Amino acid sequence: MYYFTKEISSGVISELLKNPTRASFVRTQIRVYRVDENGGLALIPNQPFKTKREALRVLVIHSSVLNNHLDSSIVHKGLLIFSFQHSDDKSK
């Protein structure tokens, strides 16, 4: 495309302006479930964590542990960790 030129033609500029793409914010909530000895699940702390940082602080685990077990369905120290994406699109 235009990798080596310093100027973009007016045709490409007008095409880009006709179809602007809007960036949307996607928030990923972390849901952590404690697994009991009977296989029952209990959500910790009764609601999803709003950020990974909040989950790391409350669970006192390293970010690599969280990332490795996120959505893997592998129990880590009695915990199952899942993500839930919530679109925060203001245009609706």
C-alpha atoms as a PDB file:
ATOM      1  CA  MET A   1       0.000   0.000   0.000  1.00  0.00           C
ATOM      2  CA  TYR A   2       1.609   3.313   1.062  1.00  0.00           C
ATOM      3  CA  TYR A   3       4.580   1.965   2.962  1.00  0.00           C
ATOM      4  CA  PHE A   4       7.250   4.039   1.258  1.00  0.00           C
ATOM      5  CA  THR A   5       5.526   7.264   0.254  1.00  0.00           C
ATOM      6  CA  LYS A   6       5.385  10.398   2.343  1.00  0.00           C
ATOM      7  CA  GLU A   7       2.016  11.562   1.061  1.00  0.00           C
ATOM      8  CA  ILE A   8      -1.340   9.844   0.829  1.00  0.00           C
ATOM      9  CA  SER A   9      -3.443  10.532  -2.242  1.00  0.00           C
ATOM     10  CA  SER A  10      -6.652  12.519  -1.839  1.00  0.00           C
ATOM     11  CA  GLY A  11      -8.681   9.530  -3.092  1.00  0.00           C
ATOM     12  CA  VAL A  12      -7.494   7.368  -0.197  1.00  0.00           C
ATOM     13  CA  ILE A  13      -8.111  10.185   2.309  1.00  0.00           C
ATOM     14  CA  SER A  14     -11.680  10.701   1.071  1.00  0.00           C
ATOM     15  CA  GLU A  15     -12.319   6.939   1.208  1.00  0.00           C
ATOM     16  CA  LEU A  16     -11.102   6.784   4.795  1.00  0.00           C
ATOM     17  CA  LEU A  17     -13.256   9.746   5.792  1.00  0.00           C
ATOM     18  CA  LYS A  18     -16.392   8.161   4.267  1.00  0.00           C
ATOM     19  CA  ASN A  19     -16.189   5.076   6.476  1.00  0.00           C
ATOM     20  CA  PRO A  20     -14.807   6.117   9.845  1.00  0.00           C
ATOM     21  CA  THR A  21     -14.411   3.316  12.332  1.00  0.00           C
ATOM     22  CA  ARG A  22     -15.230   3.995  15.933  1.00  0.00           C
ATOM     23  CA  ALA A  23     -13.134   2.519  18.650  1.00  0.00           C
ATOM     24  CA  SER A  24     -15.153   0.872  21.354  1.00  0.00           C
ATOM     25  CA  PHE A  25     -14.055   0.118  24.873  1.00  0.00           C
ATOM     26  CA  VAL A  26     -14.262  -3.496  25.953  1.00  0.00           C
ATOM     27  CA  ARG A  27     -14.117  -4.172  29.676  1.00  0.00           C
ATOM     28  CA  THR A  28     -13.089  -7.635  30.757  1.00  0.00           C
ATOM     29  CA  GLN A  29     -14.484  -8.668  34.108  1.00  0.00           C
ATOM     30  CA  ILE A  30     -12.909 -11.537  35.999  1.00  0.00           C
ATOM     31  CA  ARG A  31     -15.143 -14.161  37.600  1.00  0.00           C
ATOM     32  CA  VAL A  32     -13.485 -16.360  40.186  1.00  0.00           C
ATOM     33  CA  TYR A  33     -15.239 -19.394  41.593  1.00  0.00           C
ATOM     34  CA  ARG A  34     -14.177 -21.387  44.655  1.00  0.00           C
ATOM     35  CA  VAL A  35     -14.590 -25.117  44.065  1.00  0.00           C
ATOM     36  CA  ASP A  36     -15.626 -27.126  47.126  1.00  0.00           C
ATOM     37  CA  GLU A  37     -14.928 -30.826  47.721  1.00  0.00           C
ATOM     38  CA  ASN A  38     -18.304 -31.811  46.205  1.00  0.00           C
ATOM     39  CA  GLY A  39     -17.617 -29.862  42.990  1.00  0.00           C
ATOM     40  CA  GLY A  40     -19.912 -26.968  43.889  1.00  0.00           C
ATOM     41  CA  LEU A  41     -18.994 -23.460  42.746  1.00  0.00           C
ATOM     42  CA  ALA A  42     -19.228 -20.227  44.732  1.00  0.00           C
ATOM     43  CA  LEU A  43     -18.518 -16.865  43.126  1.00  0.00           C
ATOM     44  CA  ILE A  44     -15.842 -14.850  44.942  1.00  0.00           C
ATOM     45  CA  PRO A  45     -16.675 -12.113  46.252  1.00  0.00           C
ATOM     46  CA  ASN A  46     -20.345 -12.514  45.211  1.00  0.00           C
ATOM     47  CA  GLN A  47     -19.737 -10.381  42.106  1.00  0.00           C
ATOM     48  CA  PRO A  48     -17.161 -10.282  39.284  1.00  0.00           C
ATOM     49  CA  PHE A  49     -13.952  -8.331  39.697  1.00  0.00           C
ATOM     50  CA  LYS A  50     -14.028  -5.210  37.536  1.00  0.00           C
ATOM     51  CA  THR A  51     -10.338  -5.376  36.634  1.00  0.00           C
ATOM     52  CA  LYS A  52      -7.486  -7.856  36.643  1.00  0.00           C
ATOM     53  CA  ARG A  53      -5.638  -5.634  39.083  1.00  0.00           C
ATOM     54  CA  GLU A  54      -8.495  -5.882  41.585  1.00  0.00           C
ATOM     55  CA  ALA A  55      -8.581  -9.686  41.225  1.00  0.00           C
ATOM     56  CA  LEU A  56      -4.819  -9.922  41.741  1.00  0.00           C
ATOM     57  CA  ARG A  57      -4.986  -7.773  44.856  1.00  0.00           C
ATOM     58  CA  VAL A  58      -7.836  -9.708  46.478  1.00  0.00           C
ATOM     59  CA  LEU A  59      -6.660 -13.195  45.487  1.00  0.00           C
ATOM     60  CA  VAL A  60      -2.980 -12.450  46.247  1.00  0.00           C
ATOM     61  CA  ILE A  61      -1.690 -14.252  43.166  1.00  0.00           C
ATOM     62  CA  HIS A  62       0.829 -13.269  40.494  1.00  0.00           C
ATOM     63  CA  SER A  63      -0.387 -11.923  37.150  1.00  0.00           C
ATOM     64  CA  SER A  64       1.236 -14.836  35.279  1.00  0.00           C
ATOM     65  CA  VAL A  65      -0.809 -17.306  37.360  1.00  0.00           C
ATOM     66  CA  LEU A  66      -3.982 -15.400  36.562  1.00  0.00           C
ATOM     67  CA  ASN A  67      -3.177 -15.211  32.847  1.00  0.00           C
ATOM     68  CA  ASN A  68      -2.223 -18.911  32.659  1.00  0.00           C
ATOM     69  CA  HIS A  69      -5.419 -20.097  34.343  1.00  0.00           C
ATOM     70  CA  LEU A  70      -7.811 -17.554  32.837  1.00  0.00           C
ATOM     71  CA  ASP A  71     -10.514 -19.400  30.832  1.00  0.00           C
ATOM     72  CA  SER A  72      -8.536 -22.656  31.016  1.00  0.00           C
ATOM     73  CA  SER A  73     -11.046 -24.642  33.154  1.00  0.00           C
ATOM     74  CA  ILE A  74      -8.087 -25.795  35.263  1.00  0.00           C
ATOM     75  CA  VAL A  75      -8.565 -25.592  39.025  1.00  0.00           C
ATOM     76  CA  HIS A  76      -5.730 -23.675  40.728  1.00  0.00           C
ATOM     77  CA  LYS A  77      -5.668 -23.910  44.529  1.00  0.00           C
ATOM     78  CA  GLY A  78      -9.417 -24.507  44.576  1.00  0.00           C
ATOM     79  CA  LEU A  79     -10.191 -21.627  42.195  1.00  0.00           C
ATOM     80  CA  LEU A  80     -11.607 -21.495  38.667  1.00  0.00           C
ATOM     81  CA  ILE A  81     -10.943 -18.214  36.825  1.00  0.00           C
ATOM     82  CA  PHE A  82     -13.020 -17.010  33.876  1.00  0.00           C
ATOM     83  CA  SER A  83     -13.331 -13.758  31.953  1.00  0.00           C
ATOM     84  CA  PHE A  84     -16.469 -11.985  30.828  1.00  0.00           C
ATOM     85  CA  GLN A  85     -16.240  -9.204  28.245  1.00  0.00           C
ATOM     86  CA  HIS A  86     -18.630  -6.302  28.477  1.00  0.00           C
ATOM     87  CA  SER A  87     -18.813  -3.870  25.551  1.00  0.00           C
ATOM     88  CA  ASP A  88     -19.080  -0.243  26.630  1.00  0.00           C
ATOM     89  CA  ASP A  89     -20.151   1.309  23.331  1.00  0.00           C
ATOM     90  CA  LYS A  90     -21.524   4.821  23.899  1.00  0.00           C
ATOM     91  CA  SER A  91     -23.049   5.109  20.403  1.00  0.00           C
ATOM     92  CA  LYS A  92     -26.048   2.875  21.218  1.00  0.00           C
END
